[in-house]
C-alpha atoms as a PDB file:
ATOM      1  CA  MET A   1      41.666 -78.316-102.081  1.00  0.00           C
ATOM      2  CA  LEU A   2      40.157 -81.279-104.275  1.00  0.00           C
ATOM      3  CA  ILE A   3      36.334 -81.139-104.493  1.00  0.00           C
ATOM      4  CA  ILE A   4      34.755 -84.546-104.654  1.00  0.00           C
ATOM      5  CA  SER A   5      31.580 -83.511-106.806  1.00  0.00           C
ATOM      6  CA  CYS A   6      34.030 -82.379-109.441  1.00  0.00           C
ATOM      7  CA  ILE A   7      36.202 -85.316-109.943  1.00  0.00           C
ATOM      8  CA  GLN A   8      33.759 -87.273-112.394  1.00  0.00           C
ATOM      9  CA  CYS A   9      33.437 -83.969-114.521  1.00  0.00           C
ATOM     10  CA  LYS A  10      35.288 -84.181-117.742  1.00  0.00           C
ATOM     11  CA  PHE A  11      36.291 -80.681-117.369  1.00  0.00           C
ATOM     12  CA  HIS A  12      38.074 -81.559-114.233  1.00  0.00           C
ATOM     13  CA  GLU A  13      41.727 -81.737-113.581  1.00  0.00           C
ATOM     14  CA  ILE A  14      44.013 -82.050-110.612  1.00  0.00           C
ATOM     15  CA  ARG A  15      46.959 -79.436-110.124  1.00  0.00           C
ATOM     16  CA  GLN A  16      49.809 -79.490-107.901  1.00  0.00           C
ATOM     17  CA  GLU A  17      50.237 -76.310-106.076  1.00  0.00           C
ATOM     18  CA  GLY A  18      53.240 -76.511-103.656  1.00  0.00           C
ATOM     19  CA  ASN A  19      52.014 -79.136-101.011  1.00  0.00           C
ATOM     20  CA  GLU A  20      48.400 -78.971-102.063  1.00  0.00           C
ATOM     21  CA  ARG A  21      46.654 -80.750-104.807  1.00  0.00           C
ATOM     22  CA  MET A  22      43.804 -78.457-106.163  1.00  0.00           C
ATOM     23  CA  SER A  23      40.568 -79.014-108.228  1.00  0.00           C
ATOM     24  CA  ARG A  24      40.692 -76.987-111.586  1.00  0.00           C
ATOM     25  CA  CYS A  25      37.967 -76.272-114.103  1.00  0.00           C
ATOM     26  CA  ILE A  26      39.443 -76.435-117.563  1.00  0.00           C
ATOM     27  CA  ARG A  27      36.298 -75.111-118.996  1.00  0.00           C
ATOM     28  CA  GLU A  28      35.839 -72.003-117.062  1.00  0.00           C
ATOM     29  CA  ASN A  29      40.175 -71.611-116.538  1.00  0.00           C
ATOM     30  CA  CYS A  30      39.829 -71.347-112.908  1.00  0.00           C
ATOM     31  CA  TYR A  31      40.129 -73.215-109.607  1.00  0.00           C
ATOM     32  CA  SER A  32      36.898 -75.340-109.016  1.00  0.00           C
ATOM     33  CA  GLU A  33      35.885 -73.579-105.824  1.00  0.00           C
ATOM     34  CA  PHE A  34      35.211 -70.249-107.841  1.00  0.00           C
ATOM     35  CA  SER A  35      33.518 -71.926-110.822  1.00  0.00           C
ATOM     36  CA  LYS A  36      29.993 -70.992-111.834  1.00  0.00           C
ATOM     37  CA  CYS A  37      29.581 -74.977-112.052  1.00  0.00           C
ATOM     38  CA  ILE A  38      30.192 -75.540-108.378  1.00  0.00           C
ATOM     39  CA  ALA A  39      28.044 -72.505-107.405  1.00  0.00           C
ATOM     40  CA  THR A  40      25.229 -73.861-109.192  1.00  0.00           C
ATOM     41  CA  LYS A  41      25.829 -77.172-107.425  1.00  0.00           C
ATOM     42  CA  ALA A  42      25.685 -75.913-104.045  1.00  0.00           C
ATOM     43  CA  LEU A  43      22.757 -73.968-104.901  1.00  0.00           C
ATOM     44  CA  ASN A  44      20.692 -76.966-106.181  1.00  0.00           C
ATOM     45  CA  ARG A  45      21.916 -78.653-103.146  1.00  0.00           C
ATOM     46  CA  PHE A  46      20.811 -75.863-100.643  1.00  0.00           C
ATOM     47  CA  LEU A  47      17.432 -75.891-102.426  1.00  0.00           C
ATOM     48  CA  GLU A  48      16.852 -79.493-102.173  1.00  0.00           C
ATOM     49  CA  GLN A  49      17.496 -79.543 -98.539  1.00  0.00           C
ATOM     50  CA  GLU A  50      15.242 -76.584 -97.916  1.00  0.00           C
ATOM     51  CA  SER A  51      12.233 -78.253-100.014  1.00  0.00           C
ATOM     52  CA  SER A  52      12.525 -81.284 -98.149  1.00  0.00           C
ATOM     53  CA  SER A  53      12.464 -79.997 -94.440  1.00  0.00           C
ATOM     54  CA  SER A  54       9.707 -81.059 -92.349  1.00  0.00           C
ATOM     55  CA  ASN A  55       8.743 -77.253 -91.495  1.00  0.00           C
ATOM     56  CA  PRO A  56       5.167 -76.464 -92.302  1.00  0.00           C
ATOM     57  CA  PRO A  57       4.782 -73.656 -95.115  1.00  0.00           C
ATOM     58  CA  PHE A  58       4.562 -70.038 -93.494  1.00  0.00           C
ATOM     59  CA  SER A  59       1.554 -68.352 -93.491  1.00  0.00           C
ATOM     60  CA  ALA A  60       1.100 -64.735 -92.152  1.00  0.00           C
ATOM     61  CA  ILE A  61      -2.842 -64.915 -92.143  1.00  0.00           C
ATOM     62  CA  GLU A  62      -2.413 -67.835 -89.589  1.00  0.00           C
ATOM     63  CA  ARG A  63       0.269 -66.139 -87.507  1.00  0.00           C
ATOM     64  CA  PHE A  64      -1.720 -63.111 -87.157  1.00  0.00           C
ATOM     65  CA  TYR A  65      -5.239 -64.845 -86.880  1.00  0.00           C
ATOM     66  CA  SER A  66      -4.592 -68.188 -85.290  1.00  0.00           C
ATOM     67  CA  ARG A  67      -7.392 -70.481 -84.869  1.00  0.00           C
ATOM     68  CA  GLU A  68      -8.621 -70.773 -81.228  1.00  0.00           C
END
Protein backbone atom coordinates (compact mmCIF):
# COMPACT_ATOMS: atom_id res chain seq x y z
CA MET A 1 0.00 0.00 0.00
CA LEU A 2 1.27 3.45 -0.89
CA ILE A 3 0.78 6.03 1.86
CA ILE A 4 0.21 9.47 0.40
CA SER A 5 1.39 11.40 3.48
CA CYS A 6 4.78 9.64 3.29
CA ILE A 7 5.56 10.41 -0.34
CA GLN A 8 7.09 13.84 0.41
CA CYS A 9 9.32 12.47 3.20
CA LYS A 10 13.02 12.23 2.37
CA PHE A 11 13.17 8.79 4.06
CA HIS A 12 10.36 7.35 1.91
CA GLU A 13 10.93 4.82 -0.82
CA ILE A 14 8.59 2.77 -2.96
CA ARG A 15 9.20 -0.94 -3.26
CA GLN A 16 7.55 -3.43 -5.56
CA GLU A 17 6.30 -6.50 -3.66
CA GLY A 18 4.76 -8.89 -6.16
CA ASN A 19 1.99 -6.98 -7.90
CA GLU A 20 1.73 -4.29 -5.22
CA ARG A 21 3.73 -1.12 -4.62
CA MET A 22 4.56 -0.52 -0.95
CA SER A 23 5.68 2.55 0.99
CA ARG A 24 8.82 1.87 3.00
CA CYS A 25 10.55 3.99 5.66
CA ILE A 26 14.32 3.89 5.22
CA ARG A 27 14.97 5.62 8.57
CA GLU A 28 13.06 3.00 10.59
CA ASN A 29 13.79 0.12 8.18
CA CYS A 30 10.16 -1.04 7.98
CA TYR A 31 7.06 -0.61 5.88
CA SER A 32 5.59 2.84 6.46
CA GLU A 33 2.29 1.48 7.77
CA PHE A 34 4.21 0.08 10.77
CA SER A 35 6.46 3.10 11.37
CA LYS A 36 6.35 5.33 14.43
CA CYS A 37 6.21 8.34 12.13
CA ILE A 38 2.88 7.38 10.58
CA ALA A 39 1.49 6.45 14.01
CA THR A 40 2.40 9.94 15.27
CA LYS A 41 0.80 11.56 12.21
CA ALA A 42 -2.38 9.53 12.77
CA LEU A 43 -2.50 10.48 16.46
CA ASN A 44 -2.02 14.18 15.67
CA ARG A 45 -4.77 14.07 13.04
CA PHE A 46 -7.12 12.32 15.49
CA LEU A 47 -6.42 14.89 18.22
CA GLU A 48 -7.01 17.77 15.79
CA GLN A 49 -10.37 16.31 14.78
CA GLU A 50 -11.37 15.75 18.41
CA SER A 51 -10.45 19.28 19.46
CA SER A 52 -12.30 20.87 16.54
CA SER A 53 -15.54 18.98 17.13
CA SER A 54 -18.54 21.10 18.01
CA ASN A 55 -19.42 19.15 21.16
CA PRO A 56 -19.43 21.33 24.27
CA PRO A 57 -17.01 20.36 27.03
CA PHE A 58 -18.36 17.69 29.35
CA SER A 59 -19.01 18.59 32.95
CA ALA A 60 -19.98 15.91 35.48
CA ILE A 61 -21.44 18.55 37.80
CA GLU A 62 -23.78 19.85 35.09
CA ARG A 63 -24.85 16.33 34.25
CA PHE A 64 -25.95 15.51 37.80
CA TYR A 65 -27.05 18.97 38.88
CA SER A 66 -28.64 20.35 35.75
CA ARG A 67 -29.96 23.88 35.68
CA GLU A 68 -33.71 23.85 36.04
